[in-house]
Each structure stands twice: as structure tokens, then as C-alpha cells.
Amino acid sequence: MMINAVHSKLPLFLIAVSLFMPAVRGQLSSENCSLGVCGDSNNGGDPHFVSFNNESWSWHGGCTVVLLRSQHSDIDVHIQTTRVETSTKLKYSYISGVAAKIQSDVFEVLSDDGSIIINGGEKILPRESTFEHARVSRSYKGSKKKIIVYDFDLAEEAAGDGDTSSGGPARSMQIRANTNTGILYVDFHGSFPDGEGLTGSTSSTALLGRDGKTNFSGHYNSFAEEWQVLNTEQNLFQQPRGPQHPEGCIYDVDSMAMMQHQQEDKKMKTSSIRRRLLDEAKEEVTMEQASDACANVKRQEFCIMDVMAMADLEIAEDPFYQQQ
């Protein structure tokens, strides 16, 4: 297998930041769960991924990929990533769609306004709703309440009679939609020992491919491409966007393939134009301004890169940058 290492086509000032931001590899959490070791995975921004083994990396391709799949937990989470290029030659990607299948229910969060589609129908959730296999609550974050937060309690007893005394495994998912930038973030916590996809699993320190053997740690483009949703797998999105397997993920929005997909998918075209116009309307954020905005966060490198790429100081308010 050929392992590639294509670098995102970022402006020089962002490349300078990223050159001093190597992938970080760590250890699994020592917190005990009834099914083994617990872990955390945080994903979002430009986009950046922190797997359960605490390996952090960025990927700037565009397609639909498996973020987390667990047969034991009966959860399958896909994300759509979109490439953006502005007239100032700024190029980056972001998570533009999240769809999660939890046993028989499918939840899709839209990036533009943070609305949620449940089993094919758009819904306005009350503060808390109980489904057959998950409890979902909605809240808001940020100084201007522009971040819509959906918390999914995935514990086995979450949808039961409320009795959690049996000590089932703690599992949760949080999806956040920044309605100012149109960017989505996804966090997981708990025990996913058979997890696969970009998050990896809580039982392995490797980033494994579909064969369960090949370790893609350090080869992130190839790893993401390995987990592109196949045409033989269920696509969880109501309107699949961008290249779909067997077409590969893209790294250039000027490619003829991307232009064809934008013409075929009006919704994607509208969303991409909105994102591009939003970027071009903003004034450039300097390194000093970004550093000040990110001064009190823990993931400063990711924060500075994203604030400068999207020219939005409020991005620093997302919890993704506060986590260790």
C-alpha cells in the first residue's frame, strides 16, 4: 500500500504554524469502564482529529468518511468534509455534515443553521428528548450563543426507566454546530473497544485500517482515504455531497470532479458559495490577534490556525480548543 503525505495548500503564514505542529501521540485514558478502558476523541475545525489514543492530526481532504463505527455499541457515525478556496487563495477543509446511526435511529446535524434531521424528517428538539436507544439534549454555548450543542447519552440504560444502578458502560457523543462559521465538531467519550474509523478504538494505541491490522499512524491522508464510506455501505446522509466512492477523496476544489458535483448538487453548491463569500467578506486576522484570542486555550496551535484560516476570533470559544 502506498502511503501518501499530501500537505494542505495553505498560505505561507499558516504553513509556518503547521510546520511547528507535529502529530502528537499519547496513551489511552486510565479511566476504567465496565468494558475496558475509557477514552476521548475530539474532532473539528480545519479539520483536526484527536483519536482515542490521543494521537492528534489534521486532514484536508473532501469526501464522506467513517468517523466512528462500533458494532457492540451499535453506532455508526459518518462525516462529510468540504474543501474551500477563496479569492485570496486560502484553501482549507471543514466538517460540513455529521450523520449518526444509533441502532435504528439516524440523526443528521446540518452545518448552516444547526438544525437536526431525525429519521429523514427535520425536527426542532426540546431541551431533552428520549429515543429508543439514546437520550438527546440541546443547549447553547459561546458568548453570543451561536454554538448549538447536541448531547447524546449512549449508555445502555439511557432510554430505559432511568435506573442506571446496573453500572452500564459510560458512552456519550456531542455534536456542536457553529452557526456563525457553518463548521461542525464531534466529541466522543467512553468505552468503544471495538471502535473503528478515524477515531480508532479505546482498546488499541494504533490507527487501524479496515483489515484490522494495518497501522496508519503518521500516514493520515491514507488513513482517511481508507475510511471513505464505500458504495457497498449505507450512506447515512439525506443528500450525499461531494465525491462518493468509487471516486476518491479530493484535495483540490478546482478539480473538474468537484465542479461536476457542485453542479449536480444544488444544496452543496449553495453551501459552498455561502462559506466562500463568508470568508471573503472578512478582514484578515493577524497572528497577533489570533494568538490573543487563543491565549487561554489548551490547544493553541489548532486554535490559532483555525482563527486565521477562517478569520473569526469567536472560533476560539468552541470547547474543542479547551480540551487537553
C-alpha atoms as a PDB file:
ATOM      1  CA  MET A   1       0.000   0.000   0.000  1.00  0.00           C
ATOM      2  CA  MET A   2       1.375   3.411  -0.940  1.00  0.00           C
ATOM      3  CA  ILE A   3       1.278   5.843   1.971  1.00  0.00           C
ATOM      4  CA  ASN A   4       0.968   9.471   0.900  1.00  0.00           C
ATOM      5  CA  ALA A   5       1.565  12.680   2.806  1.00  0.00           C
ATOM      6  CA  VAL A   6      -0.029  15.466   0.797  1.00  0.00           C
ATOM      7  CA  HIS A   7       0.193  18.767   2.696  1.00  0.00           C
ATOM      8  CA  SER A   8      -2.811  21.074   2.645  1.00  0.00           C
ATOM      9  CA  LYS A   9      -2.396  24.024   0.289  1.00  0.00           C
ATOM     10  CA  LEU A  10      -2.333  26.673   2.993  1.00  0.00           C
ATOM     11  CA  PRO A  11      -0.969  30.223   2.772  1.00  0.00           C
ATOM     12  CA  LEU A  12       2.629  30.594   3.887  1.00  0.00           C
ATOM     13  CA  PHE A  13       1.707  32.045   7.275  1.00  0.00           C
ATOM     14  CA  LEU A  14      -0.481  29.015   8.045  1.00  0.00           C
ATOM     15  CA  ILE A  15       2.108  26.586   6.739  1.00  0.00           C
ATOM     16  CA  ALA A  16       4.569  28.191   9.140  1.00  0.00           C
ATOM     17  CA  VAL A  17       2.197  27.437  12.007  1.00  0.00           C
ATOM     18  CA  SER A  18       1.553  23.874  10.910  1.00  0.00           C
ATOM     19  CA  LEU A  19       5.226  23.062  10.406  1.00  0.00           C
ATOM     20  CA  PHE A  20       5.726  23.505  14.136  1.00  0.00           C
ATOM     21  CA  MET A  21       2.669  21.433  14.983  1.00  0.00           C
ATOM     22  CA  PRO A  22       3.664  17.774  14.567  1.00  0.00           C
ATOM     23  CA  ALA A  23       1.184  14.996  15.180  1.00  0.00           C
ATOM     24  CA  VAL A  24       1.012  14.139  18.855  1.00  0.00           C
ATOM     25  CA  ARG A  25       0.765  10.563  20.021  1.00  0.00           C
ATOM     26  CA  GLY A  26      -0.240   9.617  23.533  1.00  0.00           C
ATOM     27  CA  GLN A  27      -1.728   6.902  25.662  1.00  0.00           C
ATOM     28  CA  LEU A  28      -5.267   5.751  26.310  1.00  0.00           C
ATOM     29  CA  SER A  29      -7.064   7.081  29.362  1.00  0.00           C
ATOM     30  CA  SER A  30      -6.628   5.017  32.505  1.00  0.00           C
ATOM     31  CA  GLU A  31     -10.262   5.588  33.489  1.00  0.00           C
ATOM     32  CA  ASN A  32     -11.923   2.200  33.927  1.00  0.00           C
ATOM     33  CA  CYS A  33     -15.213   1.230  32.301  1.00  0.00           C
ATOM     34  CA  SER A  34     -17.132  -1.999  32.555  1.00  0.00           C
ATOM     35  CA  LEU A  35     -15.985  -2.932  29.038  1.00  0.00           C
ATOM     36  CA  GLY A  36     -12.382  -1.861  29.458  1.00  0.00           C
ATOM     37  CA  VAL A  37     -10.517   1.421  29.116  1.00  0.00           C
ATOM     38  CA  CYS A  38     -12.395   4.664  28.519  1.00  0.00           C
ATOM     39  CA  GLY A  39     -11.175   7.324  26.132  1.00  0.00           C
ATOM     40  CA  ASP A  40     -11.975  10.636  24.469  1.00  0.00           C
ATOM     41  CA  SER A  41     -11.941  11.614  20.815  1.00  0.00           C
ATOM     42  CA  ASN A  42     -12.377  15.228  19.678  1.00  0.00           C
ATOM     43  CA  ASN A  43     -12.829  16.283  16.059  1.00  0.00           C
ATOM     44  CA  GLY A  44     -13.481  19.571  14.273  1.00  0.00           C
ATOM     45  CA  GLY A  45     -12.074  22.829  12.989  1.00  0.00           C
ATOM     46  CA  ASP A  46      -9.847  22.808   9.922  1.00  0.00           C
ATOM     47  CA  PRO A  47     -10.483  19.824  10.474  1.00  0.00           C
ATOM     48  CA  HIS A  48      -8.390  18.353  13.261  1.00  0.00           C
ATOM     49  CA  PHE A  49      -8.778  14.890  14.740  1.00  0.00           C
ATOM     50  CA  VAL A  50      -7.771  13.617  18.178  1.00  0.00           C
ATOM     51  CA  SER A  51      -8.242   9.861  18.294  1.00  0.00           C
ATOM     52  CA  PHE A  52      -8.934   7.712  21.354  1.00  0.00           C
ATOM     53  CA  ASN A  53      -5.203   7.022  21.694  1.00  0.00           C
ATOM     54  CA  ASN A  54      -4.658  10.808  21.950  1.00  0.00           C
ATOM     55  CA  GLU A  55      -2.971  10.998  18.551  1.00  0.00           C
ATOM     56  CA  SER A  56      -3.724  14.410  17.047  1.00  0.00           C
ATOM     57  CA  TRP A  57      -3.554  15.232  13.353  1.00  0.00           C
ATOM     58  CA  SER A  58      -5.167  17.275  10.590  1.00  0.00           C
ATOM     59  CA  TRP A  59      -6.608  16.189   7.265  1.00  0.00           C
ATOM     60  CA  HIS A  60      -7.613  18.490   4.417  1.00  0.00           C
ATOM     61  CA  GLY A  61      -9.441  16.224   2.006  1.00  0.00           C
ATOM     62  CA  GLY A  62     -13.048  16.326   0.893  1.00  0.00           C
ATOM     63  CA  CYS A  63     -15.389  13.292   0.878  1.00  0.00           C
ATOM     64  CA  THR A  64     -17.609  11.209   3.197  1.00  0.00           C
ATOM     65  CA  VAL A  65     -15.742   9.112   5.769  1.00  0.00           C
ATOM     66  CA  VAL A  66     -16.454   6.872   8.756  1.00  0.00           C
ATOM     67  CA  LEU A  67     -15.641   8.779  11.930  1.00  0.00           C
ATOM     68  CA  LEU A  68     -16.618   6.039  14.397  1.00  0.00           C
ATOM     69  CA  ARG A  69     -18.242   2.651  13.990  1.00  0.00           C
ATOM     70  CA  SER A  70     -18.843   0.209  16.819  1.00  0.00           C
ATOM     71  CA  GLN A  71     -20.846  -2.983  16.444  1.00  0.00           C
ATOM     72  CA  HIS A  72     -21.010  -3.535  20.196  1.00  0.00           C
ATOM     73  CA  SER A  73     -22.417  -0.046  20.787  1.00  0.00           C
ATOM     74  CA  ASP A  74     -24.449  -0.282  17.562  1.00  0.00           C
ATOM     75  CA  ILE A  75     -23.353   3.169  16.451  1.00  0.00           C
ATOM     76  CA  ASP A  76     -22.149   4.349  13.042  1.00  0.00           C
ATOM     77  CA  VAL A  77     -21.072   7.985  12.602  1.00  0.00           C
ATOM     78  CA  HIS A  78     -20.171   9.499   9.223  1.00  0.00           C
ATOM     79  CA  ILE A  79     -18.858  12.971   8.454  1.00  0.00           C
ATOM     80  CA  GLN A  80     -18.768  14.952   5.230  1.00  0.00           C
ATOM     81  CA  THR A  81     -15.761  17.203   4.747  1.00  0.00           C
ATOM     82  CA  THR A  82     -15.781  20.065   2.264  1.00  0.00           C
ATOM     83  CA  ARG A  83     -12.890  21.839   0.567  1.00  0.00           C
ATOM     84  CA  VAL A  84     -12.980  25.646   0.380  1.00  0.00           C
ATOM     85  CA  GLU A  85     -10.945  28.064  -1.736  1.00  0.00           C
ATOM     86  CA  THR A  86     -11.341  31.840  -1.554  1.00  0.00           C
ATOM     87  CA  SER A  87     -10.268  34.552  -3.986  1.00  0.00           C
ATOM     88  CA  THR A  88      -7.331  35.237  -1.669  1.00  0.00           C
ATOM     89  CA  LYS A  89      -6.029  31.710  -2.423  1.00  0.00           C
ATOM     90  CA  LEU A  90      -6.869  30.483   1.063  1.00  0.00           C
ATOM     91  CA  LYS A  91      -7.595  26.758   0.977  1.00  0.00           C
ATOM     92  CA  TYR A  92      -8.819  24.550   3.791  1.00  0.00           C
ATOM     93  CA  SER A  93     -11.400  21.899   4.686  1.00  0.00           C
ATOM     94  CA  TYR A  94     -14.036  21.651   7.378  1.00  0.00           C
ATOM     95  CA  ILE A  95     -16.641  19.192   8.661  1.00  0.00           C
ATOM     96  CA  SER A  96     -19.810  20.222   6.834  1.00  0.00           C
ATOM     97  CA  GLY A  97     -22.065  17.310   7.783  1.00  0.00           C
ATOM     98  CA  VAL A  98     -22.472  14.749  10.577  1.00  0.00           C
ATOM     99  CA  ALA A  99     -24.836  11.779  10.476  1.00  0.00           C
ATOM    100  CA  ALA A 100     -25.058   9.245  13.300  1.00  0.00           C
ATOM    101  CA  LYS A 101     -26.970   5.968  13.261  1.00  0.00           C
ATOM    102  CA  ILE A 102     -27.694   4.747  16.772  1.00  0.00           C
ATOM    103  CA  GLN A 103     -29.265   1.321  16.372  1.00  0.00           C
ATOM    104  CA  SER A 104     -32.464   2.065  14.407  1.00  0.00           C
ATOM    105  CA  ASP A 105     -32.414   5.886  14.657  1.00  0.00           C
ATOM    106  CA  VAL A 106     -30.485   8.192  12.303  1.00  0.00           C
ATOM    107  CA  PHE A 107     -29.592  11.737  13.395  1.00  0.00           C
ATOM    108  CA  GLU A 108     -28.139  14.245  10.918  1.00  0.00           C
ATOM    109  CA  VAL A 109     -26.965  17.695  12.042  1.00  0.00           C
ATOM    110  CA  LEU A 110     -26.816  20.416   9.383  1.00  0.00           C
ATOM    111  CA  SER A 111     -23.937  22.882   9.382  1.00  0.00           C
ATOM    112  CA  ASP A 112     -25.690  26.010   8.112  1.00  0.00           C
ATOM    113  CA  ASP A 113     -28.186  26.519  10.924  1.00  0.00           C
ATOM    114  CA  GLY A 114     -27.519  23.652  13.319  1.00  0.00           C
ATOM    115  CA  SER A 115     -30.893  22.034  12.689  1.00  0.00           C
ATOM    116  CA  ILE A 116     -31.253  18.281  13.121  1.00  0.00           C
ATOM    117  CA  ILE A 117     -32.895  15.689  10.869  1.00  0.00           C
ATOM    118  CA  ILE A 118     -34.161  12.600  12.672  1.00  0.00           C
ATOM    119  CA  ASN A 119     -35.047   9.521  10.627  1.00  0.00           C
ATOM    120  CA  GLY A 120     -35.461  11.625   7.493  1.00  0.00           C
ATOM    121  CA  GLY A 121     -37.575  14.430   8.958  1.00  0.00           C
ATOM    122  CA  GLU A 122     -36.302  17.800  10.194  1.00  0.00           C
ATOM    123  CA  LYS A 123     -37.076  18.344  13.866  1.00  0.00           C
ATOM    124  CA  ILE A 124     -36.834  21.098  16.426  1.00  0.00           C
ATOM    125  CA  LEU A 125     -35.860  19.231  19.562  1.00  0.00           C
ATOM    126  CA  PRO A 126     -36.956  20.376  23.004  1.00  0.00           C
ATOM    127  CA  ARG A 127     -34.244  20.688  25.592  1.00  0.00           C
ATOM    128  CA  GLU A 128     -34.257  16.913  26.090  1.00  0.00           C
ATOM    129  CA  SER A 129     -35.745  14.040  24.098  1.00  0.00           C
ATOM    130  CA  THR A 130     -35.645  10.311  24.746  1.00  0.00           C
ATOM    131  CA  PHE A 131     -35.360   7.850  21.893  1.00  0.00           C
ATOM    132  CA  GLU A 132     -35.327   4.073  21.999  1.00  0.00           C
ATOM    133  CA  HIS A 133     -31.563   3.819  22.412  1.00  0.00           C
ATOM    134  CA  ALA A 134     -30.353   7.321  23.276  1.00  0.00           C
ATOM    135  CA  ARG A 135     -31.242  10.407  25.268  1.00  0.00           C
ATOM    136  CA  VAL A 136     -30.574  13.667  23.370  1.00  0.00           C
ATOM    137  CA  SER A 137     -30.385  17.134  24.904  1.00  0.00           C
ATOM    138  CA  ARG A 138     -29.920  20.526  23.249  1.00  0.00           C
ATOM    139  CA  SER A 139     -28.132  23.578  24.641  1.00  0.00           C
ATOM    140  CA  TYR A 140     -26.086  26.586  23.501  1.00  0.00           C
ATOM    141  CA  LYS A 141     -22.504  27.746  24.038  1.00  0.00           C
ATOM    142  CA  GLY A 142     -20.409  30.807  23.251  1.00  0.00           C
ATOM    143  CA  SER A 143     -20.720  34.443  24.312  1.00  0.00           C
ATOM    144  CA  LYS A 144     -23.328  35.034  21.583  1.00  0.00           C
ATOM    145  CA  LYS A 145     -24.942  31.584  21.885  1.00  0.00           C
ATOM    146  CA  LYS A 146     -24.052  30.807  18.274  1.00  0.00           C
ATOM    147  CA  ILE A 147     -22.900  27.254  19.038  1.00  0.00           C
ATOM    148  CA  ILE A 148     -25.759  24.731  19.131  1.00  0.00           C
ATOM    149  CA  VAL A 149     -24.873  21.666  21.212  1.00  0.00           C
ATOM    150  CA  TYR A 150     -26.470  18.225  20.934  1.00  0.00           C
ATOM    151  CA  ASP A 151     -25.511  15.801  23.697  1.00  0.00           C
ATOM    152  CA  PHE A 152     -26.203  12.108  23.101  1.00  0.00           C
ATOM    153  CA  ASP A 153     -26.252   9.823  26.139  1.00  0.00           C
ATOM    154  CA  LEU A 154     -25.347   6.413  24.681  1.00  0.00           C
ATOM    155  CA  ALA A 155     -25.334   4.428  27.913  1.00  0.00           C
ATOM    156  CA  GLU A 156     -27.248   1.185  27.579  1.00  0.00           C
ATOM    157  CA  GLU A 157     -29.785   2.350  30.178  1.00  0.00           C
ATOM    158  CA  ALA A 158     -30.221   5.867  28.730  1.00  0.00           C
ATOM    159  CA  ALA A 159     -33.539   5.131  27.078  1.00  0.00           C
ATOM    160  CA  GLY A 160     -34.858   2.844  29.775  1.00  0.00           C
ATOM    161  CA  ASP A 161     -36.655   3.637  33.001  1.00  0.00           C
ATOM    162  CA  GLY A 162     -33.816   5.816  34.243  1.00  0.00           C
ATOM    163  CA  ASP A 163     -32.318   3.173  36.520  1.00  0.00           C
ATOM    164  CA  THR A 164     -28.565   3.184  35.896  1.00  0.00           C
ATOM    165  CA  SER A 165     -27.704   1.170  39.000  1.00  0.00           C
ATOM    166  CA  SER A 166     -26.564  -1.757  36.890  1.00  0.00           C
ATOM    167  CA  GLY A 167     -23.450   0.208  36.019  1.00  0.00           C
ATOM    168  CA  GLY A 168     -23.594   0.021  32.239  1.00  0.00           C
ATOM    169  CA  PRO A 169     -20.683   1.400  30.238  1.00  0.00           C
ATOM    170  CA  ALA A 170     -20.472   5.180  30.058  1.00  0.00           C
ATOM    171  CA  ARG A 171     -20.646   6.331  26.437  1.00  0.00           C
ATOM    172  CA  SER A 172     -21.552   9.726  25.059  1.00  0.00           C
ATOM    173  CA  MET A 173     -21.346  11.792  21.889  1.00  0.00           C
ATOM    174  CA  GLN A 174     -21.563  15.562  21.482  1.00  0.00           C
ATOM    175  CA  ILE A 175     -22.162  17.313  18.150  1.00  0.00           C
ATOM    176  CA  ARG A 176     -21.701  21.097  18.035  1.00  0.00           C
ATOM    177  CA  ALA A 177     -22.770  23.345  15.169  1.00  0.00           C
ATOM    178  CA  ASN A 178     -21.163  26.788  14.983  1.00  0.00           C
ATOM    179  CA  THR A 179     -23.890  28.700  13.155  1.00  0.00           C
ATOM    180  CA  ASN A 180     -21.559  31.662  12.582  1.00  0.00           C
ATOM    181  CA  THR A 181     -18.981  29.670  10.614  1.00  0.00           C
ATOM    182  CA  GLY A 182     -21.036  26.664   9.479  1.00  0.00           C
ATOM    183  CA  ILE A 183     -18.482  24.276  10.987  1.00  0.00           C
ATOM    184  CA  LEU A 184     -19.320  21.112  12.944  1.00  0.00           C
ATOM    185  CA  TYR A 185     -17.446  19.500  15.825  1.00  0.00           C
ATOM    186  CA  VAL A 186     -17.884  15.943  17.172  1.00  0.00           C
ATOM    187  CA  ASP A 187     -16.695  14.554  20.508  1.00  0.00           C
ATOM    188  CA  PHE A 188     -16.908  11.032  21.933  1.00  0.00           C
ATOM    189  CA  HIS A 189     -16.333   9.791  25.455  1.00  0.00           C
ATOM    190  CA  GLY A 190     -16.449   6.321  26.924  1.00  0.00           C
ATOM    191  CA  SER A 191     -15.626   2.741  26.124  1.00  0.00           C
ATOM    192  CA  PHE A 192     -15.536   1.760  22.437  1.00  0.00           C
ATOM    193  CA  PRO A 193     -13.217  -1.277  22.476  1.00  0.00           C
ATOM    194  CA  ASP A 194     -14.273  -2.409  19.009  1.00  0.00           C
ATOM    195  CA  GLY A 195     -14.319   1.113  17.573  1.00  0.00           C
ATOM    196  CA  GLU A 196     -13.065   1.685  14.039  1.00  0.00           C
ATOM    197  CA  GLY A 197     -12.804   4.650  11.715  1.00  0.00           C
ATOM    198  CA  LEU A 198     -10.892   7.907  12.170  1.00  0.00           C
ATOM    199  CA  THR A 199     -11.293   7.839  15.959  1.00  0.00           C
ATOM    200  CA  GLY A 200      -9.654   4.454  16.361  1.00  0.00           C
ATOM    201  CA  SER A 201     -10.719   2.401  19.388  1.00  0.00           C
ATOM    202  CA  THR A 202     -10.291   2.551  23.152  1.00  0.00           C
ATOM    203  CA  SER A 203      -8.567  -0.842  23.134  1.00  0.00           C
ATOM    204  CA  SER A 204      -5.696  -0.030  20.759  1.00  0.00           C
ATOM    205  CA  THR A 205      -2.954   2.575  20.512  1.00  0.00           C
ATOM    206  CA  ALA A 206      -2.854   2.188  16.715  1.00  0.00           C
ATOM    207  CA  LEU A 207      -4.920   3.755  13.938  1.00  0.00           C
ATOM    208  CA  LEU A 208      -6.022   0.634  12.126  1.00  0.00           C
ATOM    209  CA  GLY A 209      -7.318   0.170   8.608  1.00  0.00           C
ATOM    210  CA  ARG A 210     -10.319  -1.863   7.519  1.00  0.00           C
ATOM    211  CA  ASP A 211      -8.359  -5.104   7.777  1.00  0.00           C
ATOM    212  CA  GLY A 212      -7.857  -4.503  11.498  1.00  0.00           C
ATOM    213  CA  LYS A 213      -4.107  -4.983  11.082  1.00  0.00           C
ATOM    214  CA  THR A 214      -2.517  -2.175   9.042  1.00  0.00           C
ATOM    215  CA  ASN A 215      -1.384   0.692  11.279  1.00  0.00           C
ATOM    216  CA  PHE A 216      -1.787   4.072   9.564  1.00  0.00           C
ATOM    217  CA  SER A 217      -0.373   6.151  12.429  1.00  0.00           C
ATOM    218  CA  GLY A 218       1.585   9.020  10.891  1.00  0.00           C
ATOM    219  CA  HIS A 219       0.045   8.493   7.421  1.00  0.00           C
ATOM    220  CA  TYR A 220      -3.118  10.485   7.803  1.00  0.00           C
ATOM    221  CA  ASN A 221      -4.175  11.111   4.207  1.00  0.00           C
ATOM    222  CA  SER A 222      -4.053   7.404   3.505  1.00  0.00           C
ATOM    223  CA  PHE A 223      -5.814   6.665   6.802  1.00  0.00           C
ATOM    224  CA  ALA A 224      -8.721   8.987   5.967  1.00  0.00           C
ATOM    225  CA  GLU A 225      -8.972   7.608   2.441  1.00  0.00           C
ATOM    226  CA  GLU A 226      -9.024   4.085   3.900  1.00  0.00           C
ATOM    227  CA  TRP A 227     -12.181   5.003   5.799  1.00  0.00           C
ATOM    228  CA  GLN A 228     -14.047   6.698   2.957  1.00  0.00           C
ATOM    229  CA  VAL A 229     -17.626   5.377   3.019  1.00  0.00           C
ATOM    230  CA  LEU A 230     -17.823   2.663   0.362  1.00  0.00           C
ATOM    231  CA  ASN A 231     -20.564   2.351  -2.236  1.00  0.00           C
ATOM    232  CA  THR A 232     -21.402  -1.015  -0.651  1.00  0.00           C
ATOM    233  CA  GLU A 233     -22.092   0.636   2.741  1.00  0.00           C
ATOM    234  CA  GLN A 234     -25.168   2.542   3.843  1.00  0.00           C
ATOM    235  CA  ASN A 235     -24.857   6.288   3.288  1.00  0.00           C
ATOM    236  CA  LEU A 236     -26.452   7.959   6.285  1.00  0.00           C
ATOM    237  CA  PHE A 237     -26.927  11.409   4.741  1.00  0.00           C
ATOM    238  CA  GLN A 238     -30.199  12.534   3.202  1.00  0.00           C
ATOM    239  CA  GLN A 239     -28.274  14.262   0.408  1.00  0.00           C
ATOM    240  CA  PRO A 240     -24.793  12.771  -0.122  1.00  0.00           C
ATOM    241  CA  ARG A 241     -22.387  15.514  -1.166  1.00  0.00           C
ATOM    242  CA  GLY A 242     -19.069  15.691  -2.933  1.00  0.00           C
ATOM    243  CA  PRO A 243     -17.220  12.694  -4.317  1.00  0.00           C
ATOM    244  CA  GLN A 244     -18.736   9.342  -3.447  1.00  0.00           C
ATOM    245  CA  HIS A 245     -16.937   6.022  -3.644  1.00  0.00           C
ATOM    246  CA  PRO A 246     -15.634   4.656  -6.008  1.00  0.00           C
ATOM    247  CA  GLU A 247     -14.479   8.243  -6.709  1.00  0.00           C
ATOM    248  CA  GLY A 248     -11.711   9.135  -4.285  1.00  0.00           C
ATOM    249  CA  CYS A 249     -11.433  11.988  -1.824  1.00  0.00           C
ATOM    250  CA  ILE A 250     -10.344  15.314  -3.309  1.00  0.00           C
ATOM    251  CA  TYR A 251      -7.701  17.820  -2.251  1.00  0.00           C
ATOM    252  CA  ASP A 252      -8.327  20.500  -4.881  1.00  0.00           C
ATOM    253  CA  VAL A 253     -11.611  22.376  -5.248  1.00  0.00           C
ATOM    254  CA  ASP A 254     -10.590  23.384  -8.771  1.00  0.00           C
ATOM    255  CA  SER A 255     -10.748  19.809  -9.961  1.00  0.00           C
ATOM    256  CA  MET A 256     -13.278  19.012 -12.675  1.00  0.00           C
ATOM    257  CA  ALA A 257     -14.763  16.331 -10.447  1.00  0.00           C
ATOM    258  CA  MET A 258     -15.606  18.866  -7.737  1.00  0.00           C
ATOM    259  CA  MET A 259     -17.112  21.282 -10.235  1.00  0.00           C
ATOM    260  CA  GLN A 260     -19.313  18.499 -11.596  1.00  0.00           C
ATOM    261  CA  HIS A 261     -20.521  17.578  -8.111  1.00  0.00           C
ATOM    262  CA  GLN A 262     -21.311  21.221  -7.325  1.00  0.00           C
ATOM    263  CA  GLN A 263     -23.409  21.468 -10.461  1.00  0.00           C
ATOM    264  CA  GLU A 264     -25.257  18.248  -9.653  1.00  0.00           C
ATOM    265  CA  ASP A 265     -25.891  19.082  -6.009  1.00  0.00           C
ATOM    266  CA  LYS A 266     -27.574  22.473  -5.665  1.00  0.00           C
ATOM    267  CA  LYS A 267     -27.573  22.313  -1.892  1.00  0.00           C
ATOM    268  CA  MET A 268     -23.849  21.689  -1.766  1.00  0.00           C
ATOM    269  CA  LYS A 269     -23.234  24.487  -4.275  1.00  0.00           C
ATOM    270  CA  THR A 270     -25.248  26.944  -2.195  1.00  0.00           C
ATOM    271  CA  SER A 271     -23.447  25.908   0.995  1.00  0.00           C
ATOM    272  CA  SER A 272     -20.013  26.187  -0.637  1.00  0.00           C
ATOM    273  CA  ILE A 273     -20.782  29.614  -2.075  1.00  0.00           C
ATOM    274  CA  ARG A 274     -22.065  30.780   1.317  1.00  0.00           C
ATOM    275  CA  ARG A 275     -18.897  29.562   3.005  1.00  0.00           C
ATOM    276  CA  ARG A 276     -16.658  31.212   0.368  1.00  0.00           C
ATOM    277  CA  LEU A 277     -18.491  34.553   0.467  1.00  0.00           C
ATOM    278  CA  LEU A 278     -18.378  34.493   4.253  1.00  0.00           C
ATOM    279  CA  ASP A 279     -14.597  34.071   4.128  1.00  0.00           C
ATOM    280  CA  GLU A 280     -14.046  36.744   1.504  1.00  0.00           C
ATOM    281  CA  ALA A 281     -16.174  39.286   3.370  1.00  0.00           C
ATOM    282  CA  LYS A 282     -13.998  39.066   6.466  1.00  0.00           C
ATOM    283  CA  GLU A 283     -10.866  41.005   7.127  1.00  0.00           C
ATOM    284  CA  GLU A 284      -7.668  39.037   7.552  1.00  0.00           C
ATOM    285  CA  VAL A 285      -6.830  38.093  11.125  1.00  0.00           C
ATOM    286  CA  THR A 286      -3.197  38.622  12.081  1.00  0.00           C
ATOM    287  CA  MET A 287      -1.076  36.170  14.017  1.00  0.00           C
ATOM    288  CA  GLU A 288      -1.093  38.569  16.968  1.00  0.00           C
ATOM    289  CA  GLN A 289      -4.895  38.805  17.001  1.00  0.00           C
ATOM    290  CA  ALA A 290      -5.252  35.029  16.717  1.00  0.00           C
ATOM    291  CA  SER A 291      -2.712  34.467  19.484  1.00  0.00           C
ATOM    292  CA  ASP A 292      -4.592  36.836  21.779  1.00  0.00           C
ATOM    293  CA  ALA A 293      -7.912  35.114  21.049  1.00  0.00           C
ATOM    294  CA  CYS A 294      -6.354  31.715  21.761  1.00  0.00           C
ATOM    295  CA  ALA A 295      -4.232  32.767  24.726  1.00  0.00           C
ATOM    296  CA  ASN A 296      -6.265  30.869  27.317  1.00  0.00           C
ATOM    297  CA  VAL A 297      -6.999  27.641  25.436  1.00  0.00           C
ATOM    298  CA  LYS A 298      -5.088  24.378  25.701  1.00  0.00           C
ATOM    299  CA  ARG A 299      -4.885  23.515  22.001  1.00  0.00           C
ATOM    300  CA  GLN A 300      -3.340  26.805  20.992  1.00  0.00           C
ATOM    301  CA  GLU A 301      -1.768  25.630  17.726  1.00  0.00           C
ATOM    302  CA  PHE A 302      -5.047  24.290  16.369  1.00  0.00           C
ATOM    303  CA  CYS A 303      -6.880  27.368  17.631  1.00  0.00           C
ATOM    304  CA  ILE A 304      -4.504  29.888  16.043  1.00  0.00           C
ATOM    305  CA  MET A 305      -4.537  28.021  12.739  1.00  0.00           C
ATOM    306  CA  ASP A 306      -8.346  27.915  12.599  1.00  0.00           C
ATOM    307  CA  VAL A 307      -8.880  31.516  13.709  1.00  0.00           C
ATOM    308  CA  MET A 308      -6.514  32.736  10.999  1.00  0.00           C
ATOM    309  CA  ALA A 309      -7.852  30.390   8.317  1.00  0.00           C
ATOM    310  CA  MET A 310     -11.472  31.415   8.898  1.00  0.00           C
ATOM    311  CA  ALA A 311     -10.833  34.993  10.029  1.00  0.00           C
ATOM    312  CA  ASP A 312     -13.118  34.544  13.015  1.00  0.00           C
ATOM    313  CA  LEU A 313     -11.932  35.286  16.547  1.00  0.00           C
ATOM    314  CA  GLU A 314     -15.009  33.671  18.113  1.00  0.00           C
ATOM    315  CA  ILE A 315     -13.900  30.231  16.906  1.00  0.00           C
ATOM    316  CA  ALA A 316     -11.636  30.161  19.964  1.00  0.00           C
ATOM    317  CA  GLU A 317     -14.762  29.807  22.147  1.00  0.00           C
ATOM    318  CA  ASP A 318     -15.508  26.273  20.994  1.00  0.00           C
ATOM    319  CA  PRO A 319     -14.805  23.618  23.660  1.00  0.00           C
ATOM    320  CA  PHE A 320     -12.641  21.698  21.171  1.00  0.00           C
ATOM    321  CA  TYR A 321      -9.753  24.074  21.818  1.00  0.00           C
ATOM    322  CA  GLN A 322     -10.189  23.917  25.589  1.00  0.00           C
ATOM    323  CA  GLN A 323      -9.715  20.163  25.819  1.00  0.00           C
ATOM    324  CA  GLN A 324      -6.339  18.656  26.582  1.00  0.00           C
END
